Amino acid sequence: MKGPLPFHHGAGKGTKEFAKHLRQRETSAEDLFWKMARNRKILNLKIRRQHPIGIYIADFYCHELKLVIELDGSIHDLEHVKQKDKVREAFLISEGLKIMRFSNDDVFANPHLIEEAIKKIMK
């Protein structure tokens, strides 16, 4: 089993800069979830937004749980995007990370669904 990942595991300068750019242009679903999660508001966990991991950027990442949380809009229903998501997930899993995916609609309809799902994996 691999040890804990460094803070920006394998991320190059370009990836880090792009993550910063994404933080400045977050979606409304990301904004809503971030307001719920920032400053350890969910289960006292440190959750980072637009966090670089290798060549990828996780929407949200909790290092304590090695958990990536992705919020997906309708673009993720397109076949070519699904294929890219599979490759990305394979990499993240190979790095010892868990991945949770929620639709933007889930966030708006029941934002606490994510917190409940995190509680389940903590058991």
Foldseek 3Di string as FASTA:
>chain_A
DDDQAPQQAQDDPVLVVVLVVCVVVDDPLLVLLCVCCDPCNQVNFHKDAQGHHNNHTARIATRVQLEGEHEAEPVCVDPVNVVVVVVVVVVSVVVVHHYHYHYSVCCVVPVCVVSVVVVVVVD
